[in-house]
Amino acid sequence: MLRARKAGSNREADFHLEVPGNMSVLESHDLCDRIEHKLQSQLPKLKVTIHVEPEGYHNPN
């Protein structure tokens, strides 16, 4: 699920990124950085929050 908000000229987006369960923390962090930079290159004032979860994980909340 992607949630996006806009307040004035500021934009925020957050979403959950499902990664393979065997992906290291470093690899998933690097992937998030690449996604953030790509999004911000298209929308310079965008603040991005990515929640990383292992494949098949279902948050009980």
Protein backbone atom coordinates (compact mmCIF):
# COMPACT_ATOMS: atom_id res chain seq x y z
CA MET A 1 0.00 0.00 0.00
CA LEU A 2 1.26 3.45 -0.91
CA ARG A 3 0.18 6.47 1.11
CA ALA A 4 0.90 9.93 -0.24
CA ARG A 5 0.23 13.36 1.22
CA LYS A 6 0.81 16.92 0.15
CA ALA A 7 1.01 19.99 2.40
CA GLY A 8 1.85 23.19 0.55
CA SER A 9 4.89 22.47 -1.58
CA ASN A 10 5.93 19.48 0.57
CA ARG A 11 5.05 15.94 -0.41
CA GLU A 12 5.32 12.76 1.62
CA ALA A 13 4.99 9.14 0.60
CA ASP A 14 5.30 5.97 2.60
CA PHE A 15 4.93 2.34 1.70
CA HIS A 16 5.88 -1.19 2.69
CA LEU A 17 8.55 -2.87 0.60
CA GLU A 18 8.53 -6.66 0.70
CA VAL A 19 11.98 -8.18 0.15
CA PRO A 20 13.19 -11.79 0.03
CA GLY A 21 13.59 -13.19 3.54
CA ASN A 22 17.25 -13.98 2.90
CA MET A 23 18.12 -10.43 1.84
CA SER A 24 20.59 -8.83 4.24
CA VAL A 25 19.86 -5.62 6.10
CA LEU A 26 22.62 -3.91 4.10
CA GLU A 27 21.14 -5.05 0.77
CA SER A 28 17.64 -3.94 1.71
CA HIS A 29 18.97 -0.58 2.94
CA ASP A 30 20.83 -0.06 -0.35
CA LEU A 31 17.67 -0.94 -2.28
CA CYS A 32 15.65 1.59 -0.25
CA ASP A 33 18.28 4.26 -0.90
CA ARG A 34 18.09 3.64 -4.65
CA ILE A 35 14.29 3.81 -4.63
CA GLU A 36 14.31 7.03 -2.56
CA HIS A 37 16.85 8.72 -4.84
CA LYS A 38 14.92 7.72 -7.96
CA LEU A 39 11.66 9.08 -6.56
CA GLN A 40 13.30 12.28 -5.32
CA SER A 41 14.93 12.86 -8.71
CA GLN A 42 11.40 13.08 -10.14
CA LEU A 43 9.82 14.90 -7.17
CA PRO A 44 12.58 16.93 -5.47
CA LYS A 45 10.61 17.94 -2.35
CA LEU A 46 9.34 14.42 -1.68
CA LYS A 47 10.00 12.90 1.74
CA VAL A 48 9.96 9.11 1.42
CA THR A 49 9.50 6.57 4.21
CA ILE A 50 9.95 2.91 3.31
CA HIS A 51 9.02 0.12 5.71
CA VAL A 52 10.99 -3.03 4.82
CA GLU A 53 9.39 -6.39 5.53
CA PRO A 54 10.51 -9.93 4.73
CA GLU A 55 8.55 -11.75 2.07
CA GLY A 56 5.31 -13.24 3.42
CA TYR A 57 5.41 -11.26 6.67
CA HIS A 58 2.00 -10.14 7.91
CA ASN A 59 1.97 -7.54 10.65
CA PRO A 60 -0.57 -8.58 13.30
CA ASN A 61 -1.48 -4.94 14.05
